[in-house]
C-alpha atoms as a PDB file:
ATOM      1  CA  MET A   1       0.086   0.002   0.027  1.00  0.00           C
ATOM      2  CA  ARG A   2       2.880   2.349   0.885  1.00  0.00           C
ATOM      3  CA  ILE A   3       4.643   1.702  -2.405  1.00  0.00           C
ATOM      4  CA  LYS A   4       1.491   2.332  -4.264  1.00  0.00           C
ATOM      5  CA  LEU A   5       0.973   5.747  -2.535  1.00  0.00           C
ATOM      6  CA  ILE A   6       4.566   6.743  -3.230  1.00  0.00           C
ATOM      7  CA  PHE A   7       4.158   5.622  -6.879  1.00  0.00           C
ATOM      8  CA  VAL A   8       0.807   7.763  -7.239  1.00  0.00           C
ATOM      9  CA  CYS A   9       2.453  10.790  -5.638  1.00  0.00           C
ATOM     10  CA  THR A  10       5.498  10.593  -7.945  1.00  0.00           C
ATOM     11  CA  LEU A  11       3.096  10.154 -10.936  1.00  0.00           C
ATOM     12  CA  VAL A  12       1.159  13.321  -9.937  1.00  0.00           C
ATOM     13  CA  ALA A  13       4.340  15.400  -9.223  1.00  0.00           C
ATOM     14  CA  LEU A  14       5.737  14.522 -12.652  1.00  0.00           C
ATOM     15  CA  SER A  15       2.629  15.223 -14.489  1.00  0.00           C
ATOM     16  CA  LEU A  16       2.371  18.706 -12.792  1.00  0.00           C
ATOM     17  CA  GLY A  17       5.980  19.307 -13.723  1.00  0.00           C
ATOM     18  CA  LEU A  18       5.224  18.485 -17.390  1.00  0.00           C
ATOM     19  CA  VAL A  19       2.262  20.797 -17.390  1.00  0.00           C
ATOM     20  CA  ALA A  20       4.328  23.594 -16.006  1.00  0.00           C
ATOM     21  CA  CYS A  21       7.095  23.065 -18.581  1.00  0.00           C
ATOM     22  CA  THR A  22       4.744  22.811 -21.625  1.00  0.00           C
ATOM     23  CA  SER A  23       3.154  26.214 -21.204  1.00  0.00           C
ATOM     24  CA  GLU A  24       5.337  29.166 -21.943  1.00  0.00           C
ATOM     25  CA  GLN A  25       4.680  32.983 -22.054  1.00  0.00           C
ATOM     26  CA  ALA A  26       6.428  35.674 -23.982  1.00  0.00           C
ATOM     27  CA  SER A  27       5.876  39.155 -22.308  1.00  0.00           C
ATOM     28  CA  LEU A  28       6.203  42.637 -24.042  1.00  0.00           C
ATOM     29  CA  GLU A  29       5.654  45.694 -21.916  1.00  0.00           C
ATOM     30  CA  VAL A  30       6.045  49.421 -22.255  1.00  0.00           C
ATOM     31  CA  SER A  31       5.793  51.497 -19.259  1.00  0.00           C
ATOM     32  CA  CYS A  32       4.260  55.181 -18.866  1.00  0.00           C
ATOM     33  CA  ASP A  33       7.785  56.574 -18.607  1.00  0.00           C
ATOM     34  CA  GLU A  34       8.901  55.018 -21.929  1.00  0.00           C
ATOM     35  CA  PHE A  35       5.805  56.293 -23.670  1.00  0.00           C
ATOM     36  CA  MET A  36       6.659  59.850 -22.308  1.00  0.00           C
ATOM     37  CA  LYS A  37       9.981  59.477 -24.297  1.00  0.00           C
ATOM     38  CA  SER A  38       8.588  58.127 -27.448  1.00  0.00           C
ATOM     39  CA  GLN A  39       5.006  57.887 -28.639  1.00  0.00           C
ATOM     40  CA  HIS A  40       5.561  54.901 -30.965  1.00  0.00           C
ATOM     41  CA  PHE A  41       6.848  51.654 -29.873  1.00  0.00           C
ATOM     42  CA  SER A  42       7.644  48.431 -31.704  1.00  0.00           C
ATOM     43  CA  ARG A  43       8.701  45.114 -29.947  1.00  0.00           C
ATOM     44  CA  GLU A  44       9.552  41.689 -31.195  1.00  0.00           C
ATOM     45  CA  ALA A  45       8.793  38.293 -29.634  1.00  0.00           C
ATOM     46  CA  ASN A  46       9.262  34.676 -30.290  1.00  0.00           C
ATOM     47  CA  ALA A  47       6.928  31.963 -29.282  1.00  0.00           C
ATOM     48  CA  ASN A  48       6.021  28.416 -29.885  1.00  0.00           C
ATOM     49  CA  ALA A  49       2.605  27.105 -30.910  1.00  0.00           C
ATOM     50  CA  GLY A  50       0.437  26.831 -27.854  1.00  0.00           C
ATOM     51  CA  ASP A  51       2.382  29.541 -25.909  1.00  0.00           C
ATOM     52  CA  SER A  52       0.789  32.729 -24.568  1.00  0.00           C
ATOM     53  CA  VAL A  53       1.936  36.266 -25.791  1.00  0.00           C
ATOM     54  CA  VAL A  54       1.253  38.915 -23.113  1.00  0.00           C
ATOM     55  CA  VAL A  55       1.393  42.645 -23.925  1.00  0.00           C
ATOM     56  CA  THR A  56       1.189  45.163 -21.085  1.00  0.00           C
ATOM     57  CA  LEU A  57       0.906  48.832 -21.723  1.00  0.00           C
ATOM     58  CA  CYS A  58       0.568  51.925 -19.698  1.00  0.00           C
ATOM     59  CA  SER A  59      -3.014  53.320 -19.507  1.00  0.00           C
ATOM     60  CA  ASN A  60      -4.765  56.152 -17.777  1.00  0.00           C
ATOM     61  CA  PRO A  61      -8.556  56.308 -18.548  1.00  0.00           C
ATOM     62  CA  SER A  62      -8.987  59.332 -16.247  1.00  0.00           C
ATOM     63  CA  THR A  63      -7.367  61.269 -19.185  1.00  0.00           C
ATOM     64  CA  GLY A  64     -10.062  60.217 -21.843  1.00  0.00           C
ATOM     65  CA  PHE A  65      -7.581  58.023 -23.704  1.00  0.00           C
ATOM     66  CA  GLN A  66      -7.862  54.408 -24.091  1.00  0.00           C
ATOM     67  CA  TRP A  67      -6.182  51.599 -26.015  1.00  0.00           C
ATOM     68  CA  SER A  68      -8.061  49.746 -28.750  1.00  0.00           C
ATOM     69  CA  GLU A  69     -10.211  47.119 -27.221  1.00  0.00           C
ATOM     70  CA  THR A  70      -9.438  44.510 -29.908  1.00  0.00           C
ATOM     71  CA  ALA A  71      -5.869  44.475 -31.277  1.00  0.00           C
ATOM     72  CA  GLN A  72      -5.283  44.512 -35.006  1.00  0.00           C
ATOM     73  CA  ILE A  73      -3.868  41.094 -35.930  1.00  0.00           C
ATOM     74  CA  SER A  74      -2.176  40.765 -39.421  1.00  0.00           C
ATOM     75  CA  ASP A  75      -2.568  36.917 -39.578  1.00  0.00           C
ATOM     76  CA  GLU A  76      -5.209  35.379 -37.356  1.00  0.00           C
ATOM     77  CA  THR A  77      -4.143  31.934 -38.243  1.00  0.00           C
ATOM     78  CA  VAL A  78      -1.017  32.513 -36.377  1.00  0.00           C
ATOM     79  CA  LEU A  79      -2.201  34.514 -33.397  1.00  0.00           C
ATOM     80  CA  ARG A  80      -5.526  35.122 -31.751  1.00  0.00           C
ATOM     81  CA  GLN A  81      -6.609  37.610 -28.831  1.00  0.00           C
ATOM     82  CA  ILE A  82      -7.959  35.616 -25.954  1.00  0.00           C
ATOM     83  CA  ASN A  83      -8.305  38.428 -23.363  1.00  0.00           C
ATOM     84  CA  HIS A  84      -7.968  42.063 -22.679  1.00  0.00           C
ATOM     85  CA  GLU A  85      -8.262  43.727 -19.136  1.00  0.00           C
ATOM     86  CA  PHE A  86      -7.501  46.873 -17.324  1.00  0.00           C
ATOM     87  CA  VAL A  87      -5.281  46.658 -14.248  1.00  0.00           C
ATOM     88  CA  SER A  88      -5.874  49.417 -11.765  1.00  0.00           C
ATOM     89  CA  PRO A  89      -2.816  51.305 -10.345  1.00  0.00           C
ATOM     90  CA  GLU A  90      -1.064  49.777  -7.414  1.00  0.00           C
ATOM     91  CA  LYS A  91      -1.550  53.067  -5.402  1.00  0.00           C
ATOM     92  CA  ASP A  92      -4.872  54.603  -4.876  1.00  0.00           C
ATOM     93  CA  VAL A  93      -3.949  58.048  -6.083  1.00  0.00           C
ATOM     94  CA  PRO A  94      -6.459  60.181  -8.204  1.00  0.00           C
ATOM     95  CA  GLY A  95      -5.227  60.197 -11.795  1.00  0.00           C
ATOM     96  CA  ALA A  96      -2.600  57.370 -11.427  1.00  0.00           C
ATOM     97  CA  ALA A  97      -2.012  55.393 -14.452  1.00  0.00           C
ATOM     98  CA  GLY A  98      -2.869  51.665 -14.603  1.00  0.00           C
ATOM     99  CA  ARG A  99      -2.073  48.979 -17.205  1.00  0.00           C
ATOM    100  CA  GLU A 100      -3.937  47.377 -19.974  1.00  0.00           C
ATOM    101  CA  VAL A 101      -3.152  43.646 -20.556  1.00  0.00           C
ATOM    102  CA  TRP A 102      -3.864  41.635 -23.706  1.00  0.00           C
ATOM    103  CA  THR A 103      -3.236  37.905 -23.946  1.00  0.00           C
ATOM    104  CA  PHE A 104      -2.857  36.243 -27.223  1.00  0.00           C
ATOM    105  CA  GLU A 105      -2.567  32.511 -28.077  1.00  0.00           C
ATOM    106  CA  ALA A 106       0.097  31.384 -30.501  1.00  0.00           C
ATOM    107  CA  LEU A 107      -1.720  29.099 -32.843  1.00  0.00           C
ATOM    108  CA  ARG A 108       0.720  27.851 -35.530  1.00  0.00           C
ATOM    109  CA  ALA A 109       4.101  28.510 -37.102  1.00  0.00           C
ATOM    110  CA  GLY A 110       4.459  31.872 -38.891  1.00  0.00           C
ATOM    111  CA  THR A 111       4.758  35.614 -38.278  1.00  0.00           C
ATOM    112  CA  SER A 112       2.065  38.052 -37.483  1.00  0.00           C
ATOM    113  CA  THR A 113       1.928  41.639 -36.118  1.00  0.00           C
ATOM    114  CA  ILE A 114      -0.216  43.071 -33.425  1.00  0.00           C
ATOM    115  CA  SER A 115      -1.107  46.741 -33.706  1.00  0.00           C
ATOM    116  CA  MET A 116      -2.885  49.001 -31.066  1.00  0.00           C
ATOM    117  CA  GLU A 117      -3.529  52.788 -30.828  1.00  0.00           C
ATOM    118  CA  TYR A 118      -4.061  54.947 -27.749  1.00  0.00           C
ATOM    119  CA  SER A 119      -6.674  57.513 -28.533  1.00  0.00           C
ATOM    120  CA  ARG A 120      -9.740  59.428 -27.413  1.00  0.00           C
ATOM    121  CA  PRO A 121     -12.396  57.376 -29.051  1.00  0.00           C
ATOM    122  CA  TRP A 122     -15.065  60.167 -29.579  1.00  0.00           C
ATOM    123  CA  GLU A 123     -15.531  62.075 -32.577  1.00  0.00           C
ATOM    124  CA  GLY A 124     -12.948  64.876 -32.802  1.00  0.00           C
ATOM    125  CA  GLY A 125     -10.825  63.156 -30.263  1.00  0.00           C
ATOM    126  CA  GLU A 126      -7.029  62.712 -30.799  1.00  0.00           C
ATOM    127  CA  LYS A 127      -6.231  59.486 -32.583  1.00  0.00           C
ATOM    128  CA  GLY A 128      -3.077  57.550 -32.272  1.00  0.00           C
ATOM    129  CA  GLU A 129      -1.454  59.537 -29.669  1.00  0.00           C
ATOM    130  CA  TRP A 130       0.554  56.420 -28.724  1.00  0.00           C
ATOM    131  CA  THR A 131       1.060  53.450 -30.892  1.00  0.00           C
ATOM    132  CA  PHE A 132       2.374  49.885 -30.277  1.00  0.00           C
ATOM    133  CA  ILE A 133       3.244  47.227 -32.776  1.00  0.00           C
ATOM    134  CA  ALA A 134       4.534  43.737 -31.931  1.00  0.00           C
ATOM    135  CA  THR A 135       6.033  41.426 -34.480  1.00  0.00           C
ATOM    136  CA  VAL A 136       5.544  37.616 -33.177  1.00  0.00           C
ATOM    137  CA  THR A 137       7.134  34.850 -34.767  1.00  0.00           C
ATOM    138  CA  VAL A 138       5.769  31.494 -33.776  1.00  0.00           C
ATOM    139  CA  GLU A 139       7.662  28.423 -34.401  1.00  0.00           C
END
């Protein structure tokens, strides 16, 4: 009975280790300080099919600006957007910037670009105040 229990525990531990090793994540981030120096950013990332690609960008909705809800993806057979959320600032200070986080899934080998704009979405509002483009190569 004891050997069987040890075997089962070992099998579960190995299974959990394999699950942790098979899922990778590529992260791309641009801080508010970086956007203050340059309004247009491009990044590159590599991923394997099945990996996640996470893009985190500075955002401050109290200014009236917001990032595109849905990213423009050049080849949706290579990447697809699976999530987009706003993360509040760590400090509860009026007017403090937070972050917007997009998660993409790498579907198959190829190269695709992700494009986003930070704009005031209403008629007459500023468009493309900040832009972000990521080129993702999936192997």
